[in-house]
N, C-alpha and C. Protein backbone atom coordinates (compact mmCIF):
# COMPACT_ATOMS: atom_id res chain seq x y z
N MET A 1 18.11 38.05 6.26
CA MET A 1 17.42 37.04 5.86
C MET A 1 15.84 37.04 4.71
N THR A 2 16.02 34.84 4.37
CA THR A 2 15.60 35.66 2.89
C THR A 2 14.26 35.15 2.52
N PRO A 3 14.24 36.00 2.10
CA PRO A 3 12.85 36.52 1.24
C PRO A 3 11.53 35.03 1.70
N ARG A 4 10.37 35.01 2.17
CA ARG A 4 9.69 34.02 1.41
C ARG A 4 8.95 33.67 0.43
N LYS A 5 8.49 33.01 -0.89
CA LYS A 5 7.49 32.98 -1.13
C LYS A 5 6.01 33.68 -1.14
N LYS A 6 5.53 33.16 -1.47
CA LYS A 6 3.68 33.78 -0.99
C LYS A 6 2.84 32.98 -0.83
N THR A 7 2.11 32.49 0.06
CA THR A 7 1.60 31.44 0.38
C THR A 7 0.07 31.59 0.80
N ARG A 8 -0.15 30.56 0.64
CA ARG A 8 -1.75 31.04 1.21
C ARG A 8 -2.46 31.01 2.41
N SER A 9 -3.36 31.59 2.98
CA SER A 9 -3.12 31.70 4.35
C SER A 9 -4.74 30.79 4.21
N PHE A 10 -5.11 30.39 5.22
CA PHE A 10 -6.19 29.53 6.15
C PHE A 10 -6.36 30.12 7.59
N PRO A 11 -8.15 29.89 7.84
CA PRO A 11 -8.55 30.48 9.33
C PRO A 11 -8.38 28.94 9.46
N LEU A 12 -8.30 28.80 11.32
CA LEU A 12 -8.07 27.58 11.92
C LEU A 12 -9.65 27.71 12.56
N LYS A 13 -10.33 27.15 12.55
CA LYS A 13 -11.59 26.98 12.98
C LYS A 13 -11.98 25.64 14.07
N HIS A 14 -13.06 26.56 15.83
CA HIS A 14 -13.02 25.50 16.92
C HIS A 14 -12.95 24.11 16.22
N GLY A 15 -13.13 23.15 17.03
CA GLY A 15 -13.49 22.16 16.59
C GLY A 15 -12.78 20.34 15.91
N LEU A 16 -13.16 19.89 16.61
CA LEU A 16 -12.55 18.50 16.19
C LEU A 16 -11.40 18.18 15.22
N ILE A 17 -11.74 18.42 13.94
CA ILE A 17 -11.12 18.67 13.11
C ILE A 17 -12.27 20.19 11.77
N PHE A 18 -10.80 21.01 12.54
CA PHE A 18 -10.89 22.79 11.22
C PHE A 18 -10.92 22.43 10.32
N PHE A 19 -9.72 21.36 9.19
CA PHE A 19 -9.28 21.52 8.06
C PHE A 19 -8.71 20.29 7.63
N ILE A 20 -8.79 19.76 6.32
CA ILE A 20 -7.37 19.26 5.39
C ILE A 20 -7.23 19.22 4.33
N LEU A 21 -5.31 19.22 4.20
CA LEU A 21 -4.64 21.15 3.29
C LEU A 21 -4.19 19.64 2.63
N ALA A 22 -4.41 19.29 1.37
CA ALA A 22 -3.88 18.56 -0.06
C ALA A 22 -2.08 20.14 -0.47
N LEU A 23 -1.25 19.59 0.46
CA LEU A 23 -0.40 20.43 -0.88
C LEU A 23 0.44 20.02 -1.66
N THR A 24 0.13 20.84 -2.75
CA THR A 24 0.96 20.21 -4.12
C THR A 24 2.10 20.77 -4.31
N ALA A 25 2.09 22.04 -4.19
CA ALA A 25 4.08 22.39 -4.57
C ALA A 25 4.18 23.54 -3.31
N PRO A 26 5.35 23.25 -3.11
CA PRO A 26 6.08 22.93 -2.40
C PRO A 26 6.50 25.11 -2.03
N GLY A 27 5.52 25.47 -1.06
CA GLY A 27 5.96 26.32 -0.39
C GLY A 27 7.50 27.04 1.00
N CYS A 28 9.15 26.99 -0.13
CA CYS A 28 9.86 26.82 0.03
C CYS A 28 10.89 27.94 0.64
N LEU A 29 11.51 28.24 1.49
CA LEU A 29 12.24 29.03 1.94
C LEU A 29 13.78 29.23 1.71
N PHE A 30 14.24 28.63 0.47
CA PHE A 30 15.41 27.73 0.15
C PHE A 30 14.72 26.29 -1.00
N PRO A 31 13.89 27.03 -2.80
CA PRO A 31 13.97 26.42 -3.06
C PRO A 31 14.42 26.26 -3.71
N SER A 32 14.33 24.79 -4.52
CA SER A 32 15.71 23.86 -5.29
C SER A 32 15.27 24.29 -6.54
N PRO A 33 16.38 25.02 -6.89
CA PRO A 33 16.70 25.09 -9.74
C PRO A 33 16.02 24.05 -10.03
N VAL A 34 15.91 22.80 -9.58
CA VAL A 34 15.34 22.23 -10.43
C VAL A 34 14.71 21.40 -9.24
N LEU A 35 12.95 20.52 -10.11
CA LEU A 35 12.56 19.76 -8.77
C LEU A 35 12.15 18.60 -9.94
N ALA A 36 13.22 16.69 -9.56
CA ALA A 36 13.47 16.17 -10.17
C ALA A 36 12.38 15.44 -10.25
N LYS A 37 12.23 14.43 -10.67
CA LYS A 37 10.55 13.51 -10.50
C LYS A 37 11.22 12.52 -9.28
N ASP A 38 12.49 11.94 -9.46
CA ASP A 38 13.19 11.33 -7.46
C ASP A 38 13.61 12.50 -6.60
N VAL A 39 13.29 13.67 -6.01
CA VAL A 39 13.93 14.70 -5.43
C VAL A 39 13.05 13.86 -4.22
N ALA A 40 13.24 13.95 -2.77
CA ALA A 40 12.48 13.99 -1.93
C ALA A 40 11.56 15.05 -1.72
N GLU A 41 10.14 15.13 -1.38
CA GLU A 41 9.54 16.20 -1.11
C GLU A 41 8.17 15.29 -0.13
N ILE A 42 8.00 16.80 0.58
CA ILE A 42 6.75 16.57 1.68
C ILE A 42 5.19 16.82 0.86
N ARG A 43 4.92 16.10 1.13
CA ARG A 43 3.32 16.15 0.53
C ARG A 43 1.96 15.94 1.40
N ASP A 44 0.42 16.02 1.49
CA ASP A 44 0.01 16.02 1.32
C ASP A 44 -0.27 16.12 3.93
N ILE A 45 0.26 17.37 3.12
CA ILE A 45 0.41 18.36 4.52
C ILE A 45 -1.25 18.93 5.63
N ARG A 46 -1.38 18.00 6.74
CA ARG A 46 -2.77 18.29 6.87
C ARG A 46 -2.92 19.10 8.34
N LEU A 47 -3.41 20.26 8.77
CA LEU A 47 -3.40 20.34 10.40
C LEU A 47 -4.98 19.91 11.01
N VAL A 48 -5.28 19.83 11.78
CA VAL A 48 -6.05 19.15 13.08
C VAL A 48 -5.75 19.67 14.39
N ASN A 49 -6.71 20.28 14.84
CA ASN A 49 -7.38 20.19 16.40
C ASN A 49 -7.93 19.28 16.57
N THR A 50 -7.37 19.12 17.96
CA THR A 50 -8.45 18.09 19.61
C THR A 50 -9.51 18.93 20.19
N ARG A 51 -9.88 19.50 21.10
CA ARG A 51 -10.16 20.07 23.06
C ARG A 51 -9.10 20.58 22.77
N ASP A 52 -8.03 20.06 23.27
CA ASP A 52 -6.76 20.32 23.06
C ASP A 52 -5.54 21.21 22.74
N ASP A 53 -4.54 20.65 22.18
CA ASP A 53 -4.47 20.76 20.88
C ASP A 53 -3.20 21.22 19.12
N LEU A 54 -3.33 21.32 18.72
CA LEU A 54 -3.05 21.53 17.45
C LEU A 54 -2.25 20.60 16.47
N LEU A 55 -2.72 18.87 15.94
CA LEU A 55 -1.74 18.07 16.00
C LEU A 55 -1.75 18.35 13.58
N THR A 56 -0.42 17.35 13.68
CA THR A 56 -0.04 17.61 12.29
C THR A 56 0.61 16.32 11.54
N TYR A 57 -0.31 16.32 10.37
CA TYR A 57 -0.10 14.82 9.46
C TYR A 57 1.32 15.33 8.46
N PHE A 58 1.64 14.15 7.90
CA PHE A 58 2.09 14.34 6.67
C PHE A 58 2.80 13.07 6.36
N GLU A 59 3.45 13.44 5.43
CA GLU A 59 4.40 12.58 4.21
C GLU A 59 6.05 12.92 3.22
N ILE A 60 6.58 11.93 3.81
CA ILE A 60 7.41 12.00 2.52
C ILE A 60 7.63 11.35 1.51
N THR A 61 7.92 11.90 0.34
CA THR A 61 8.43 10.54 -1.12
C THR A 61 9.40 11.15 -1.59
N ASN A 62 9.77 10.13 -1.67
CA ASN A 62 10.88 9.71 -3.19
C ASN A 62 11.71 9.72 -2.13
N ALA A 63 11.75 8.64 -0.40
CA ALA A 63 13.22 9.23 0.31
C ALA A 63 13.54 7.95 -0.22
N PHE A 64 13.01 6.75 -0.26
CA PHE A 64 14.04 5.63 -0.49
C PHE A 64 14.15 5.47 -2.00
N SER A 65 16.10 6.06 -1.97
CA SER A 65 16.45 5.52 -3.73
C SER A 65 17.00 4.56 -3.37
N ASP A 66 17.21 3.76 -4.59
CA ASP A 66 17.83 3.09 -4.86
C ASP A 66 19.49 3.01 -4.04
N LYS A 67 19.92 3.39 -3.76
CA LYS A 67 21.11 2.67 -2.87
C LYS A 67 20.89 3.07 -1.63
N ILE A 68 19.75 4.06 -1.53
CA ILE A 68 19.41 3.62 0.48
C ILE A 68 18.10 2.07 -0.03
N ASN A 69 17.73 1.56 -0.45
CA ASN A 69 17.27 0.68 -0.20
C ASN A 69 18.01 -0.35 0.08
N GLN A 70 19.27 -0.32 -1.05
CA GLN A 70 20.80 -1.38 -1.04
C GLN A 70 21.57 -1.66 0.96
N ALA A 71 21.15 -0.33 0.56
CA ALA A 71 21.59 0.50 2.18
C ALA A 71 20.36 -0.79 3.55
N VAL A 72 20.29 -0.42 3.35
CA VAL A 72 18.90 -1.43 4.60
C VAL A 72 18.80 -3.16 4.08
N MET A 73 18.78 -3.11 3.10
CA MET A 73 18.84 -4.61 2.44
C MET A 73 19.91 -5.23 3.06
N ASN A 74 21.73 -4.05 2.97
CA ASN A 74 22.51 -4.77 4.02
C ASN A 74 22.90 -4.35 5.28
N GLY A 75 21.43 -3.76 5.87
CA GLY A 75 21.73 -3.86 7.80
C GLY A 75 21.84 -3.57 8.27
N VAL A 76 22.31 -1.54 7.24
CA VAL A 76 22.71 -0.77 7.77
C VAL A 76 21.15 -0.26 8.37
N PRO A 77 21.69 0.69 9.70
CA PRO A 77 19.96 1.84 10.63
C PRO A 77 20.00 2.83 9.43
N THR A 78 19.25 2.79 9.26
CA THR A 78 18.95 3.55 8.67
C THR A 78 17.32 4.69 9.25
N THR A 79 18.64 6.27 9.49
CA THR A 79 16.84 7.54 10.08
C THR A 79 17.17 7.94 9.17
N PHE A 80 15.87 9.00 9.22
CA PHE A 80 14.76 10.37 8.76
C PHE A 80 15.27 11.23 10.04
N SER A 81 14.44 11.88 9.90
CA SER A 81 14.24 13.82 10.81
C SER A 81 14.17 13.93 10.69
N PHE A 82 12.70 15.05 11.10
CA PHE A 82 11.90 15.51 11.02
C PHE A 82 12.04 17.14 11.78
N TYR A 83 11.96 18.41 10.52
CA TYR A 83 12.11 19.03 11.77
C TYR A 83 10.67 20.06 11.81
N ILE A 84 9.53 20.17 12.33
CA ILE A 84 8.86 21.28 12.63
C ILE A 84 8.84 21.90 13.45
N ALA A 85 8.48 23.23 12.87
CA ALA A 85 8.75 24.53 13.59
C ALA A 85 7.85 25.46 12.99
N LEU A 86 6.79 25.97 14.48
CA LEU A 86 5.90 27.46 13.89
C LEU A 86 6.36 28.44 14.47
N TYR A 87 5.67 29.61 13.68
CA TYR A 87 6.18 30.99 13.83
C TYR A 87 4.54 31.74 14.56
N LYS A 88 4.81 33.06 15.43
CA LYS A 88 3.67 33.56 14.85
C LYS A 88 4.12 34.57 13.98
N ASN A 89 3.17 34.60 12.79
CA ASN A 89 3.72 36.22 12.46
C ASN A 89 3.38 37.36 13.61
N ASP A 90 4.82 38.26 13.38
CA ASP A 90 4.28 39.48 13.60
C ASP A 90 4.21 40.45 12.71
N SER A 91 4.15 41.63 13.53
CA SER A 91 3.92 42.74 12.56
C SER A 91 4.13 43.23 11.53
N SER A 92 6.25 42.33 12.37
CA SER A 92 6.60 42.93 11.70
C SER A 92 7.71 41.81 11.37
N TRP A 93 9.48 42.25 10.35
CA TRP A 93 9.45 42.13 9.52
C TRP A 93 9.78 40.77 10.32
N LEU A 94 9.81 39.90 11.37
CA LEU A 94 11.06 39.44 11.71
C LEU A 94 9.65 38.07 12.79
N ASP A 95 9.76 37.45 12.39
CA ASP A 95 8.11 36.25 12.49
C ASP A 95 8.96 35.38 14.52
N LYS A 96 8.00 34.89 15.05
CA LYS A 96 8.58 34.42 16.68
C LYS A 96 8.05 33.24 16.53
N ASN A 97 9.17 33.05 16.49
CA ASN A 97 9.28 31.17 17.18
C ASN A 97 8.90 30.49 17.83
N ILE A 98 7.85 29.31 18.20
CA ILE A 98 6.58 29.35 19.48
C ILE A 98 7.17 28.07 19.60
N ALA A 99 7.63 27.18 18.60
CA ALA A 99 7.41 25.78 18.71
C ALA A 99 8.48 24.47 17.60
N ASP A 100 9.14 24.12 18.65
CA ASP A 100 10.37 23.42 16.96
C ASP A 100 10.55 22.34 17.51
N ILE A 101 10.04 21.08 17.03
CA ILE A 101 10.15 20.11 17.35
C ILE A 101 11.65 19.21 16.17
N GLN A 102 11.62 17.34 17.34
CA GLN A 102 12.47 17.99 15.98
C GLN A 102 12.49 15.79 16.83
N ILE A 103 11.86 15.39 15.74
CA ILE A 103 11.38 13.66 15.83
C ILE A 103 12.41 12.92 14.99
N LYS A 104 12.70 11.38 15.29
CA LYS A 104 13.40 10.33 14.31
C LYS A 104 12.85 9.33 14.12
N SER A 105 12.85 9.40 12.32
CA SER A 105 12.07 7.48 11.93
C SER A 105 13.60 6.24 12.31
N THR A 106 13.53 4.90 12.33
CA THR A 106 15.60 4.69 11.88
C THR A 106 14.79 3.00 11.87
N ILE A 107 14.85 2.47 10.79
CA ILE A 107 14.63 1.16 9.91
C ILE A 107 16.14 0.55 10.28
N LYS A 108 15.45 -0.92 10.56
CA LYS A 108 16.88 -1.62 10.90
C LYS A 108 16.49 -3.38 9.74
N TYR A 109 17.43 -3.25 8.57
CA TYR A 109 16.54 -4.85 8.34
C TYR A 109 17.87 -6.20 9.60
N ASN A 110 16.59 -7.12 9.72
CA ASN A 110 17.66 -8.51 10.00
C ASN A 110 17.24 -9.73 8.65
N SER A 111 18.14 -9.57 8.22
CA SER A 111 18.86 -10.91 6.84
C SER A 111 18.81 -12.60 7.57
N LEU A 112 18.45 -12.47 8.41
CA LEU A 112 18.82 -13.88 9.97
C LEU A 112 16.99 -13.70 9.26
N LYS A 113 16.82 -13.34 10.41
CA LYS A 113 14.35 -13.14 10.49
C LYS A 113 14.21 -12.71 8.87
N LYS A 114 14.85 -12.10 8.18
CA LYS A 114 14.22 -11.15 7.16
C LYS A 114 13.15 -11.08 7.15
N GLU A 115 13.14 -9.57 8.60
CA GLU A 115 11.60 -8.45 8.65
C GLU A 115 12.39 -7.25 8.95
N PHE A 116 11.88 -6.39 8.76
CA PHE A 116 12.43 -5.26 8.89
C PHE A 116 12.06 -4.34 10.43
N SER A 117 12.44 -3.78 11.30
CA SER A 117 12.02 -3.52 13.09
C SER A 117 12.43 -1.61 12.02
N VAL A 118 11.42 -0.79 13.18
CA VAL A 118 11.24 0.99 11.99
C VAL A 118 10.80 0.79 13.66
N VAL A 119 11.76 1.75 14.37
CA VAL A 119 11.84 2.68 15.43
C VAL A 119 11.45 3.75 15.63
N ARG A 120 10.29 4.06 16.53
CA ARG A 120 9.40 6.02 15.50
C ARG A 120 9.15 5.88 17.64
N PRO A 121 10.23 6.65 18.06
CA PRO A 121 10.33 7.21 19.58
C PRO A 121 9.19 8.35 20.13
N TRP A 122 8.85 9.00 18.85
CA TRP A 122 7.86 9.91 19.48
C TRP A 122 6.29 9.85 19.37
N LYS A 123 6.53 8.65 18.60
CA LYS A 123 4.97 7.47 18.94
C LYS A 123 4.33 6.85 20.01
N ASN A 124 6.06 6.95 20.62
CA ASN A 124 5.76 6.49 22.07
C ASN A 124 5.30 4.54 22.19
N GLU A 125 6.00 4.10 21.33
CA GLU A 125 5.62 2.63 20.96
C GLU A 125 6.03 1.98 21.03
N ALA A 126 5.85 0.28 21.11
CA ALA A 126 7.23 0.19 20.97
C ALA A 126 7.79 -0.63 19.57
N PRO A 127 8.83 -1.28 18.66
CA PRO A 127 9.18 -1.28 17.87
C PRO A 127 8.25 -2.19 17.05
N VAL A 128 8.18 -1.25 15.72
CA VAL A 128 7.09 -2.20 14.92
C VAL A 128 8.25 -3.23 13.69
N VAL A 129 7.60 -4.16 13.79
CA VAL A 129 8.45 -5.65 12.56
C VAL A 129 7.32 -6.27 12.16
N THR A 130 7.75 -5.78 10.28
CA THR A 130 6.75 -6.66 9.23
C THR A 130 8.31 -6.74 9.08
N GLN A 131 6.90 -7.59 7.85
CA GLN A 131 8.46 -8.61 6.86
C GLN A 131 8.33 -7.89 5.28
N SER A 132 7.14 -6.69 5.26
CA SER A 132 6.93 -6.34 4.75
C SER A 132 8.02 -4.67 3.86
N PHE A 133 8.34 -4.46 2.78
CA PHE A 133 9.12 -3.20 2.58
C PHE A 133 8.99 -2.56 2.64
N ASP A 134 7.35 -2.53 1.76
CA ASP A 134 6.37 -1.03 1.43
C ASP A 134 5.86 -1.19 2.88
N GLU A 135 5.92 -1.77 3.63
CA GLU A 135 5.13 -1.50 4.64
C GLU A 135 5.51 -0.37 6.43
N ALA A 136 6.89 -1.50 6.18
CA ALA A 136 8.83 -0.87 6.98
C ALA A 136 8.25 1.46 6.16
N LYS A 137 8.44 1.65 4.60
CA LYS A 137 9.08 2.41 4.63
C LYS A 137 7.28 3.31 4.45
N ALA A 138 6.53 2.78 4.55
CA ALA A 138 5.67 3.52 4.97
C ALA A 138 5.33 4.86 6.22
N LEU A 139 5.65 3.19 7.51
CA LEU A 139 6.25 4.28 9.13
C LEU A 139 7.32 4.65 8.62
N MET A 140 8.02 4.54 8.23
CA MET A 140 9.04 5.78 7.94
C MET A 140 9.01 7.13 7.51
N THR A 141 7.95 7.62 6.27
CA THR A 141 7.66 7.64 5.80
C THR A 141 6.75 8.58 5.87
N GLU A 142 5.46 8.34 6.75
CA GLU A 142 4.67 9.42 7.39
C GLU A 142 4.17 9.52 8.28
N ILE A 143 3.55 10.39 9.19
CA ILE A 143 4.17 11.30 10.24
C ILE A 143 2.16 11.25 10.38
N ASP A 144 1.97 10.66 11.91
CA ASP A 144 0.46 10.96 12.72
C ASP A 144 0.25 11.69 13.17
N ASN A 145 0.27 11.83 14.21
CA ASN A 145 -0.77 12.58 15.32
C ASN A 145 0.25 13.27 15.73
N LEU A 146 1.19 14.35 15.12
CA LEU A 146 2.83 15.09 16.19
C LEU A 146 1.60 16.20 16.59
N VAL A 147 1.49 15.76 18.05
CA VAL A 147 1.05 17.23 18.61
C VAL A 147 2.54 18.76 18.50
N ILE A 148 1.85 19.55 17.92
CA ILE A 148 2.61 20.79 17.33
C ILE A 148 2.61 21.45 18.91
N ILE A 149 1.52 22.03 19.39
CA ILE A 149 1.54 22.69 19.73
C ILE A 149 -0.50 22.95 21.50
N PRO A 150 0.46 23.59 22.07
CA PRO A 150 -0.78 23.28 23.00
C PRO A 150 -2.62 24.26 22.45
N LEU A 151 -2.99 23.96 22.02
CA LEU A 151 -4.29 25.33 21.44
C LEU A 151 -4.16 26.36 22.55
N ASN A 152 -3.75 26.24 23.90
CA ASN A 152 -4.55 27.07 24.87
C ASN A 152 -2.74 28.09 24.64
N ARG A 153 -2.84 28.34 23.92
CA ARG A 153 -0.63 28.88 23.57
C ARG A 153 -0.97 29.64 22.68
N LEU A 154 -1.93 28.91 21.98
CA LEU A 154 -2.26 30.07 20.61
C LEU A 154 -3.45 31.51 20.80
N VAL A 155 -3.13 32.81 20.50
CA VAL A 155 -4.17 33.44 20.24
C VAL A 155 -4.94 34.12 19.27
N LYS A 156 -6.48 33.78 20.03
CA LYS A 156 -7.98 34.01 18.85
C LYS A 156 -7.17 35.42 18.08
N GLY A 157 -7.33 35.21 15.99
CA GLY A 157 -7.02 36.18 15.34
C GLY A 157 -5.81 36.43 15.62
N ASP A 158 -4.86 36.28 15.39
CA ASP A 158 -3.40 35.66 15.40
C ASP A 158 -2.88 35.28 13.97
N LYS A 159 -2.13 36.05 13.23
CA LYS A 159 -1.92 34.35 12.24
C LYS A 159 -0.31 33.31 12.93
N TYR A 160 -0.48 32.40 11.85
CA TYR A 160 0.59 32.09 12.16
C TYR A 160 1.51 30.77 10.84
N GLN A 161 2.76 30.40 10.77
CA GLN A 161 3.40 29.41 10.32
C GLN A 161 3.66 28.04 10.45
N LEU A 162 3.04 27.52 9.90
CA LEU A 162 4.32 25.81 10.78
C LEU A 162 5.60 25.95 8.87
N ARG A 163 6.77 25.57 9.48
CA ARG A 163 7.43 25.52 8.11
C ARG A 163 7.83 23.44 9.35
N ILE A 164 7.53 22.76 7.82
CA ILE A 164 7.78 20.90 7.82
C ILE A 164 9.54 21.02 6.87
N LYS A 165 10.13 20.59 7.48
CA LYS A 165 11.60 19.66 6.70
C LYS A 165 11.64 17.65 7.26
N ALA A 166 12.36 17.10 5.96
CA ALA A 166 13.60 16.18 6.45
C ALA A 166 14.49 16.10 5.45
N GLU A 167 14.94 14.98 6.39
CA GLU A 167 17.11 15.00 5.83
C GLU A 167 17.47 13.97 6.50
N LEU A 168 17.54 12.88 5.51
CA LEU A 168 18.13 11.32 6.06
C LEU A 168 19.42 12.32 6.91
N ASP A 169 20.11 10.88 8.00
CA ASP A 169 21.32 11.15 8.55
C ASP A 169 22.10 10.73 7.98
N LYS A 170 23.04 11.28 8.57
CA LYS A 170 25.05 10.70 8.13
C LYS A 170 24.37 9.46 8.36
N VAL A 171 25.07 8.22 7.54
CA VAL A 171 24.65 6.76 7.80
C VAL A 171 26.69 7.06 8.09
N THR A 172 26.65 5.99 9.21
CA THR A 172 28.16 5.22 9.47
C THR A 172 27.51 3.76 8.92
N LEU A 173 28.55 3.81 7.75
CA LEU A 173 28.67 2.06 7.45
C LEU A 173 29.54 1.62 7.66
N PRO A 174 29.85 0.21 8.15
CA PRO A 174 29.99 -0.79 8.39
C PRO A 174 31.69 -0.82 7.83
N LEU A 175 32.92 -1.26 7.55
CA LEU A 175 34.10 -1.55 7.19
C LEU A 175 33.94 -2.59 6.22
N SER A 176 33.23 -3.00 5.82
CA SER A 176 32.87 -3.91 4.58
C SER A 176 31.91 -3.81 3.45
N LEU A 177 31.29 -2.78 4.31
CA LEU A 177 29.94 -1.93 2.76
C LEU A 177 31.01 -0.71 2.58
N HIS A 178 32.54 -0.01 3.14
CA HIS A 178 32.61 1.12 2.38
C HIS A 178 32.80 1.21 0.89
N ASN A 179 33.48 0.34 0.05
CA ASN A 179 34.07 -0.25 -1.13
C ASN A 179 32.34 0.07 -1.76
N ILE A 180 31.06 -0.52 -0.87
CA ILE A 180 30.36 -0.64 -2.40
C ILE A 180 29.43 0.83 -1.86
N PHE A 181 28.82 1.13 -0.98
CA PHE A 181 28.84 3.31 -1.04
C PHE A 181 29.56 3.90 -0.71
N PHE A 182 30.99 3.77 -1.30
CA PHE A 182 31.93 4.89 -1.64
C PHE A 182 31.49 5.91 -1.76
N PHE A 183 29.99 6.58 -2.25
CA PHE A 183 29.78 8.32 -2.44
C PHE A 183 29.14 7.93 -2.02
N VAL A 184 28.60 7.30 -0.51
CA VAL A 184 27.57 7.30 -0.33
C VAL A 184 26.56 9.06 0.41
N SER A 185 28.07 10.22 0.22
CA SER A 185 27.53 11.38 0.54
C SER A 185 26.15 11.78 -0.28
N TYR A 186 26.28 11.27 -1.97
CA TYR A 186 25.80 11.16 -3.01
C TYR A 186 23.94 10.72 -2.39
N TRP A 187 23.89 10.72 -2.05
CA TRP A 187 22.34 10.22 -1.41
C TRP A 187 22.21 10.47 -0.65
N ASN A 188 22.66 11.26 0.55
CA ASN A 188 22.02 11.65 1.41
C ASN A 188 20.43 12.14 1.00
N PHE A 189 19.73 12.42 1.67
CA PHE A 189 18.09 13.64 0.69
C PHE A 189 18.84 15.18 2.33
N GLU A 190 17.69 15.53 1.62
CA GLU A 190 18.01 17.37 2.43
C GLU A 190 16.11 17.16 1.75
N THR A 191 15.03 17.70 2.39
CA THR A 191 14.40 18.23 1.52
C THR A 191 14.39 20.20 2.15
N ASN A 192 13.59 20.79 0.90
CA ASN A 192 13.29 22.71 1.87
C ASN A 192 12.45 22.68 2.77
N TRP A 193 12.46 23.26 3.13
CA TRP A 193 11.45 23.77 3.94
C TRP A 193 9.97 24.35 3.41
N TYR A 194 8.92 23.57 3.89
CA TYR A 194 7.56 23.06 3.61
C TYR A 194 6.52 23.99 4.67
N LEU A 195 5.44 25.42 4.21
CA LEU A 195 5.42 26.58 4.14
C LEU A 195 3.22 25.95 4.57
N ILE A 196 2.81 26.46 5.00
CA ILE A 196 1.20 26.32 6.36
C ILE A 196 1.67 27.76 6.60
N ASN A 197 0.63 28.56 5.76
CA ASN A 197 0.53 29.87 6.83
C ASN A 197 -1.94 29.98 7.20
N PHE A 198 -1.46 30.22 8.66
CA PHE A 198 -3.13 29.66 8.82
C PHE A 198 -3.33 31.30 9.75
N SER A 199 -5.08 31.27 9.77
CA SER A 199 -4.86 32.15 11.40
C SER A 199 -6.04 31.42 12.55
N TYR A 200 -5.63 31.37 13.83
CA TYR A 200 -6.44 31.09 14.81
C TYR A 200 -7.63 32.15 15.01
């Protein structure tokens, strides 16, 4: 088992909003040896509870490199996948997984209409269409109001750990772009796992 870095624990209070947490440094299961400024990272993780559910908010920074921007502007559909897992901290060495969620967001540019379409099935909404690349990027990289688990599945007094990771899905290029993006594998990204411990 890969050892975990020590992370700070936070008590979970009942109510509409129990706390807001800005994650300034990653608590990673697999830390990278070098943290460059252009490496994709997950930031501003927040946990919120409604009357019935535990929700999370977070965003990914540096997700759009120059190569990814170029691919999008050439009409290549680009998808980000987000993985969210909730574990119950057991007294033994093995934590119990109680929730696994995978969501995707996809962006595609229409050069004829000069507009971007962002599809987020996890939001249960129609595709969002905008002419602003910055707005489209924000829609792709910001996760909000994502339900993790019903509160009735959590046990009062128990400790839990939330783990979050993001990656760029493998891109399938049309033949006309193979020469432009010959080294496509070198600009795929995958973040570390980011951890938050809390008590219910």
